[in-house]
Amino acid sequence: MSTKDRPEGISPTAVESAPGLWRIDLQRHDLSIPGREVIQTRVEFTPDSPPFKHFHPGEEIICVLQGTLEYRLEGQPPMVCNPGDALTVPYGVHHQARNVGDGIAVELATYVVEKGKPLLIKVE
């Protein structure tokens, strides 16, 4: 990926996983819980990044680092989170996030998931 293909403010180590959604894997380690691993990822959203419904084979713990993100978790009202806000998405819950601000929004996502399964499963 060339610098001109990446929006300003997006890290050069980021990988685009959907239009306007960039992921930077920070660490991945086995846990003391058999069959589980932890994956920590920085996720960067452009304002025009479309939300997509998905779930994970484990828990996702989120902390918003920059910008304003709206989260929609199945069975719950939408919630808007700003820098310093945190939330947990339970195992298997369908959810989506979107940038509702003007600039880049960033979250730190920590996943405690079943090892060997896809990290993210898109819901059509």
N, C-alpha and C. Protein backbone atom coordinates (compact mmCIF):
# COMPACT_ATOMS: atom_id res chain seq x y z
N MET A 1 0.85 -1.16 0.00
CA MET A 1 0.00 0.00 0.00
C MET A 1 0.90 1.23 0.00
N SER A 2 0.62 2.18 -0.85
CA SER A 2 1.42 3.39 -0.90
C SER A 2 0.84 4.43 0.05
N THR A 3 1.65 5.41 0.39
CA THR A 3 1.21 6.47 1.29
C THR A 3 0.02 7.21 0.73
N LYS A 4 -0.04 7.38 -0.59
CA LYS A 4 -1.16 8.13 -1.19
C LYS A 4 -2.49 7.38 -1.08
N ASP A 5 -2.48 6.06 -0.89
CA ASP A 5 -3.71 5.27 -0.76
C ASP A 5 -4.29 5.31 0.65
N ARG A 6 -3.51 5.78 1.60
CA ARG A 6 -3.89 5.76 3.01
C ARG A 6 -4.31 7.17 3.43
N PRO A 7 -5.47 7.33 4.07
CA PRO A 7 -5.87 8.66 4.53
C PRO A 7 -4.85 9.24 5.51
N GLU A 8 -4.75 10.56 5.51
CA GLU A 8 -3.84 11.23 6.44
C GLU A 8 -4.20 10.85 7.87
N GLY A 9 -3.19 10.58 8.68
CA GLY A 9 -3.40 10.23 10.08
C GLY A 9 -3.45 8.74 10.34
N ILE A 10 -3.53 7.91 9.30
CA ILE A 10 -3.57 6.46 9.47
C ILE A 10 -2.13 5.94 9.49
N SER A 11 -1.83 5.11 10.45
CA SER A 11 -0.49 4.56 10.62
C SER A 11 -0.01 3.82 9.38
N PRO A 12 1.29 3.91 9.05
CA PRO A 12 1.81 3.17 7.89
C PRO A 12 1.84 1.66 8.11
N THR A 13 1.66 1.19 9.34
CA THR A 13 1.63 -0.25 9.58
C THR A 13 0.21 -0.81 9.58
N ALA A 14 -0.78 0.06 9.36
CA ALA A 14 -2.18 -0.36 9.39
C ALA A 14 -2.53 -1.18 8.15
N VAL A 15 -3.47 -2.10 8.34
CA VAL A 15 -3.99 -2.92 7.23
C VAL A 15 -5.46 -2.59 7.10
N GLU A 16 -5.89 -2.22 5.88
CA GLU A 16 -7.31 -1.90 5.67
C GLU A 16 -8.09 -3.20 5.64
N SER A 17 -9.07 -3.33 6.56
CA SER A 17 -9.86 -4.56 6.63
C SER A 17 -11.27 -4.36 6.07
N ALA A 18 -11.65 -3.13 5.83
CA ALA A 18 -12.90 -2.75 5.17
C ALA A 18 -12.70 -1.32 4.71
N PRO A 19 -13.51 -0.82 3.80
CA PRO A 19 -13.31 0.56 3.35
C PRO A 19 -13.31 1.54 4.53
N GLY A 20 -12.20 2.25 4.70
CA GLY A 20 -12.10 3.24 5.77
C GLY A 20 -11.87 2.68 7.15
N LEU A 21 -11.61 1.39 7.28
CA LEU A 21 -11.38 0.74 8.57
C LEU A 21 -9.99 0.11 8.55
N TRP A 22 -9.12 0.59 9.40
CA TRP A 22 -7.72 0.17 9.41
C TRP A 22 -7.41 -0.50 10.74
N ARG A 23 -6.70 -1.63 10.69
CA ARG A 23 -6.36 -2.41 11.89
C ARG A 23 -4.85 -2.55 12.02
N ILE A 24 -4.36 -2.33 13.22
CA ILE A 24 -2.95 -2.52 13.52
C ILE A 24 -2.87 -3.52 14.66
N ASP A 25 -2.41 -4.73 14.38
CA ASP A 25 -2.26 -5.73 15.44
C ASP A 25 -1.07 -5.37 16.30
N LEU A 26 -1.29 -5.29 17.61
CA LEU A 26 -0.25 -4.89 18.55
C LEU A 26 0.39 -6.09 19.24
N GLN A 27 -0.42 -7.07 19.61
CA GLN A 27 0.12 -8.27 20.24
C GLN A 27 -0.87 -9.41 20.16
N ARG A 28 -0.33 -10.63 20.26
CA ARG A 28 -1.14 -11.85 20.25
C ARG A 28 -0.39 -12.87 21.10
N HIS A 29 -1.07 -13.42 22.13
CA HIS A 29 -0.43 -14.37 23.04
C HIS A 29 -1.42 -15.42 23.52
N ASP A 30 -0.92 -16.62 23.75
CA ASP A 30 -1.73 -17.64 24.41
C ASP A 30 -1.98 -17.21 25.85
N LEU A 31 -3.11 -17.65 26.39
CA LEU A 31 -3.45 -17.36 27.78
C LEU A 31 -3.28 -18.61 28.63
N SER A 32 -3.36 -18.42 29.93
CA SER A 32 -3.29 -19.57 30.84
C SER A 32 -4.58 -20.38 30.80
N ILE A 33 -5.62 -19.85 30.19
CA ILE A 33 -6.88 -20.56 30.01
C ILE A 33 -6.72 -21.43 28.77
N PRO A 34 -6.82 -22.74 28.90
CA PRO A 34 -6.63 -23.62 27.73
C PRO A 34 -7.55 -23.25 26.58
N GLY A 35 -6.98 -23.19 25.37
CA GLY A 35 -7.76 -22.93 24.18
C GLY A 35 -8.10 -21.47 23.93
N ARG A 36 -7.57 -20.56 24.75
CA ARG A 36 -7.86 -19.13 24.61
C ARG A 36 -6.58 -18.35 24.33
N GLU A 37 -6.75 -17.25 23.57
CA GLU A 37 -5.65 -16.33 23.33
C GLU A 37 -6.15 -14.90 23.46
N VAL A 38 -5.21 -13.98 23.66
CA VAL A 38 -5.54 -12.56 23.70
C VAL A 38 -4.92 -11.92 22.46
N ILE A 39 -5.71 -11.07 21.82
CA ILE A 39 -5.26 -10.31 20.66
C ILE A 39 -5.58 -8.86 20.94
N GLN A 40 -4.60 -8.00 20.79
CA GLN A 40 -4.83 -6.58 21.00
C GLN A 40 -4.58 -5.83 19.70
N THR A 41 -5.53 -5.00 19.33
CA THR A 41 -5.52 -4.32 18.03
C THR A 41 -5.94 -2.87 18.18
N ARG A 42 -5.23 -2.01 17.46
CA ARG A 42 -5.64 -0.61 17.34
C ARG A 42 -6.48 -0.53 16.07
N VAL A 43 -7.71 0.00 16.18
CA VAL A 43 -8.61 0.09 15.03
C VAL A 43 -8.86 1.57 14.76
N GLU A 44 -8.65 1.97 13.50
CA GLU A 44 -8.81 3.36 13.11
C GLU A 44 -9.93 3.46 12.07
N PHE A 45 -10.87 4.38 12.32
CA PHE A 45 -12.06 4.55 11.48
C PHE A 45 -12.03 5.93 10.83
N THR A 46 -12.21 6.00 9.52
CA THR A 46 -12.40 7.29 8.87
C THR A 46 -13.87 7.67 9.03
N PRO A 47 -14.21 8.95 8.87
CA PRO A 47 -15.62 9.36 9.01
C PRO A 47 -16.56 8.68 8.01
N ASP A 48 -16.05 8.26 6.87
CA ASP A 48 -16.91 7.63 5.87
C ASP A 48 -16.87 6.11 5.91
N SER A 49 -16.25 5.55 6.92
CA SER A 49 -16.18 4.09 7.06
C SER A 49 -17.58 3.53 7.34
N PRO A 50 -18.08 2.64 6.48
CA PRO A 50 -19.42 2.09 6.73
C PRO A 50 -19.38 1.06 7.86
N PRO A 51 -20.39 1.07 8.74
CA PRO A 51 -20.44 0.04 9.78
C PRO A 51 -20.81 -1.30 9.16
N PHE A 52 -20.30 -2.37 9.74
CA PHE A 52 -20.74 -3.70 9.30
C PHE A 52 -20.95 -4.56 10.53
N LYS A 53 -22.02 -5.34 10.50
CA LYS A 53 -22.38 -6.18 11.64
C LYS A 53 -21.48 -7.41 11.66
N HIS A 54 -20.98 -7.74 12.86
CA HIS A 54 -20.07 -8.87 13.02
C HIS A 54 -20.10 -9.36 14.47
N PHE A 55 -19.38 -10.45 14.73
CA PHE A 55 -19.22 -10.94 16.10
C PHE A 55 -17.86 -11.62 16.21
N HIS A 56 -17.49 -11.96 17.45
CA HIS A 56 -16.20 -12.58 17.73
C HIS A 56 -16.40 -13.85 18.56
N PRO A 57 -15.48 -14.82 18.44
CA PRO A 57 -15.57 -16.05 19.24
C PRO A 57 -14.97 -15.85 20.63
N GLY A 58 -15.43 -14.82 21.30
CA GLY A 58 -14.93 -14.47 22.63
C GLY A 58 -15.34 -13.05 22.96
N GLU A 59 -14.77 -12.52 24.03
CA GLU A 59 -15.10 -11.18 24.47
C GLU A 59 -14.21 -10.15 23.76
N GLU A 60 -14.78 -8.96 23.56
CA GLU A 60 -14.02 -7.82 23.05
C GLU A 60 -14.13 -6.71 24.08
N ILE A 61 -12.98 -6.22 24.54
CA ILE A 61 -12.93 -5.11 25.49
C ILE A 61 -12.40 -3.91 24.72
N ILE A 62 -13.17 -2.82 24.71
CA ILE A 62 -12.86 -1.66 23.88
C ILE A 62 -12.61 -0.44 24.76
N CYS A 63 -11.59 0.34 24.37
CA CYS A 63 -11.37 1.66 24.95
C CYS A 63 -11.20 2.64 23.79
N VAL A 64 -12.01 3.68 23.76
CA VAL A 64 -11.91 4.69 22.71
C VAL A 64 -10.73 5.59 23.04
N LEU A 65 -9.82 5.74 22.08
CA LEU A 65 -8.63 6.56 22.27
C LEU A 65 -8.77 7.95 21.65
N GLN A 66 -9.55 8.05 20.56
CA GLN A 66 -9.63 9.31 19.82
C GLN A 66 -10.96 9.36 19.07
N GLY A 67 -11.54 10.53 18.98
CA GLY A 67 -12.76 10.71 18.19
C GLY A 67 -14.01 10.26 18.92
N THR A 68 -15.07 10.11 18.15
CA THR A 68 -16.37 9.71 18.69
C THR A 68 -16.89 8.53 17.89
N LEU A 69 -17.18 7.43 18.59
CA LEU A 69 -17.68 6.21 17.95
C LEU A 69 -19.05 5.84 18.51
N GLU A 70 -19.93 5.42 17.61
CA GLU A 70 -21.23 4.90 18.02
C GLU A 70 -21.19 3.39 17.90
N TYR A 71 -21.57 2.71 18.98
CA TYR A 71 -21.62 1.25 19.00
C TYR A 71 -23.06 0.80 19.07
N ARG A 72 -23.38 -0.22 18.29
CA ARG A 72 -24.70 -0.85 18.32
C ARG A 72 -24.49 -2.32 18.63
N LEU A 73 -24.91 -2.72 19.82
CA LEU A 73 -24.85 -4.11 20.25
C LEU A 73 -26.25 -4.68 20.20
N GLU A 74 -26.38 -5.87 19.64
CA GLU A 74 -27.68 -6.53 19.52
C GLU A 74 -28.40 -6.53 20.86
N GLY A 75 -29.67 -6.07 20.84
CA GLY A 75 -30.50 -6.08 22.03
C GLY A 75 -30.29 -4.90 22.96
N GLN A 76 -29.44 -3.92 22.57
CA GLN A 76 -29.17 -2.76 23.41
C GLN A 76 -29.37 -1.49 22.59
N PRO A 77 -29.69 -0.37 23.25
CA PRO A 77 -29.79 0.89 22.51
C PRO A 77 -28.38 1.33 22.06
N PRO A 78 -28.29 2.12 20.98
CA PRO A 78 -26.98 2.60 20.54
C PRO A 78 -26.31 3.40 21.65
N MET A 79 -24.97 3.34 21.70
CA MET A 79 -24.23 4.13 22.67
C MET A 79 -23.10 4.87 21.97
N VAL A 80 -22.92 6.12 22.34
CA VAL A 80 -21.87 6.95 21.78
C VAL A 80 -20.75 7.03 22.80
N CYS A 81 -19.52 6.77 22.34
CA CYS A 81 -18.36 6.76 23.22
C CYS A 81 -17.32 7.75 22.74
N ASN A 82 -16.69 8.41 23.69
CA ASN A 82 -15.66 9.41 23.45
C ASN A 82 -14.35 8.94 24.07
N PRO A 83 -13.24 9.64 23.83
CA PRO A 83 -11.96 9.21 24.39
C PRO A 83 -12.04 8.94 25.89
N GLY A 84 -11.52 7.78 26.28
CA GLY A 84 -11.53 7.36 27.67
C GLY A 84 -12.70 6.47 28.03
N ASP A 85 -13.74 6.43 27.19
CA ASP A 85 -14.88 5.55 27.45
C ASP A 85 -14.51 4.11 27.09
N ALA A 86 -15.08 3.17 27.82
CA ALA A 86 -14.79 1.75 27.59
C ALA A 86 -16.09 0.96 27.60
N LEU A 87 -16.07 -0.17 26.91
CA LEU A 87 -17.21 -1.08 26.93
C LEU A 87 -16.72 -2.49 26.63
N THR A 88 -17.54 -3.45 26.98
CA THR A 88 -17.23 -4.86 26.70
C THR A 88 -18.35 -5.43 25.85
N VAL A 89 -17.95 -6.13 24.78
CA VAL A 89 -18.91 -6.82 23.93
C VAL A 89 -18.84 -8.30 24.31
N PRO A 90 -19.93 -8.87 24.82
CA PRO A 90 -19.92 -10.27 25.24
C PRO A 90 -19.70 -11.24 24.06
N TYR A 91 -19.29 -12.43 24.40
CA TYR A 91 -19.04 -13.50 23.44
C TYR A 91 -20.22 -13.67 22.48
N GLY A 92 -19.94 -13.62 21.18
CA GLY A 92 -20.95 -13.93 20.16
C GLY A 92 -22.00 -12.87 19.89
N VAL A 93 -21.98 -11.75 20.61
CA VAL A 93 -23.01 -10.73 20.40
C VAL A 93 -22.73 -9.99 19.09
N HIS A 94 -23.74 -9.91 18.24
CA HIS A 94 -23.62 -9.17 16.98
C HIS A 94 -23.54 -7.68 17.32
N HIS A 95 -22.60 -7.00 16.67
CA HIS A 95 -22.42 -5.58 16.93
C HIS A 95 -21.80 -4.88 15.74
N GLN A 96 -21.80 -3.55 15.80
CA GLN A 96 -21.15 -2.74 14.78
C GLN A 96 -20.74 -1.41 15.40
N ALA A 97 -19.76 -0.78 14.78
CA ALA A 97 -19.27 0.52 15.25
C ALA A 97 -19.14 1.44 14.06
N ARG A 98 -19.37 2.73 14.31
CA ARG A 98 -19.15 3.70 13.24
C ARG A 98 -18.66 5.01 13.84
N ASN A 99 -17.87 5.69 13.06
CA ASN A 99 -17.33 6.98 13.42
C ASN A 99 -18.42 8.02 13.21
N VAL A 100 -18.80 8.72 14.27
CA VAL A 100 -19.83 9.76 14.15
C VAL A 100 -19.24 11.15 14.32
N GLY A 101 -17.90 11.23 14.27
CA GLY A 101 -17.22 12.52 14.37
C GLY A 101 -16.72 12.98 13.01
N ASP A 102 -15.90 14.03 13.03
CA ASP A 102 -15.39 14.63 11.80
C ASP A 102 -14.04 14.08 11.36
N GLY A 103 -13.20 13.66 12.30
CA GLY A 103 -11.86 13.19 11.97
C GLY A 103 -11.73 11.70 12.17
N ILE A 104 -10.49 11.23 12.21
CA ILE A 104 -10.21 9.82 12.46
C ILE A 104 -10.63 9.48 13.89
N ALA A 105 -11.27 8.34 14.07
CA ALA A 105 -11.60 7.82 15.40
C ALA A 105 -10.77 6.56 15.62
N VAL A 106 -10.34 6.35 16.85
CA VAL A 106 -9.45 5.22 17.16
C VAL A 106 -9.93 4.51 18.42
N GLU A 107 -9.94 3.18 18.35
CA GLU A 107 -10.22 2.37 19.54
C GLU A 107 -9.09 1.38 19.75
N LEU A 108 -8.89 1.01 21.01
CA LEU A 108 -8.01 -0.09 21.36
C LEU A 108 -8.92 -1.27 21.67
N ALA A 109 -8.83 -2.32 20.85
CA ALA A 109 -9.69 -3.50 21.02
C ALA A 109 -8.84 -4.65 21.55
N THR A 110 -9.25 -5.21 22.66
CA THR A 110 -8.58 -6.36 23.24
C THR A 110 -9.56 -7.53 23.20
N TYR A 111 -9.17 -8.59 22.51
CA TYR A 111 -10.03 -9.76 22.32
C TYR A 111 -9.50 -10.91 23.16
N VAL A 112 -10.39 -11.55 23.90
CA VAL A 112 -10.07 -12.81 24.60
C VAL A 112 -10.92 -13.85 23.89
N VAL A 113 -10.29 -14.61 22.99
CA VAL A 113 -11.05 -15.44 22.05
C VAL A 113 -10.54 -16.88 22.00
N GLU A 114 -11.37 -17.72 21.38
CA GLU A 114 -10.99 -19.11 21.18
C GLU A 114 -9.87 -19.18 20.14
N LYS A 115 -8.80 -19.84 20.51
CA LYS A 115 -7.65 -19.97 19.62
C LYS A 115 -8.02 -20.83 18.41
N GLY A 116 -7.53 -20.40 17.24
CA GLY A 116 -7.75 -21.17 16.02
C GLY A 116 -9.02 -20.82 15.28
N LYS A 117 -9.88 -19.98 15.85
CA LYS A 117 -11.10 -19.55 15.16
C LYS A 117 -10.85 -18.17 14.54
N PRO A 118 -11.60 -17.84 13.48
CA PRO A 118 -11.45 -16.50 12.90
C PRO A 118 -11.77 -15.45 13.96
N LEU A 119 -11.00 -14.38 13.98
CA LEU A 119 -11.20 -13.32 14.98
C LEU A 119 -12.53 -12.62 14.78
N LEU A 120 -12.92 -12.42 13.54
CA LEU A 120 -14.10 -11.63 13.22
C LEU A 120 -14.94 -12.39 12.21
N ILE A 121 -16.23 -12.52 12.52
CA ILE A 121 -17.15 -13.19 11.61
C ILE A 121 -18.21 -12.17 11.20
N LYS A 122 -18.25 -11.84 9.92
CA LYS A 122 -19.18 -10.85 9.40
C LYS A 122 -20.58 -11.46 9.33
N VAL A 123 -21.60 -10.66 9.69
CA VAL A 123 -22.99 -11.07 9.63
C VAL A 123 -23.62 -10.40 8.43
N GLU A 124 -24.19 -11.17 7.54
CA GLU A 124 -24.81 -10.61 6.32
C GLU A 124 -26.22 -10.16 6.61
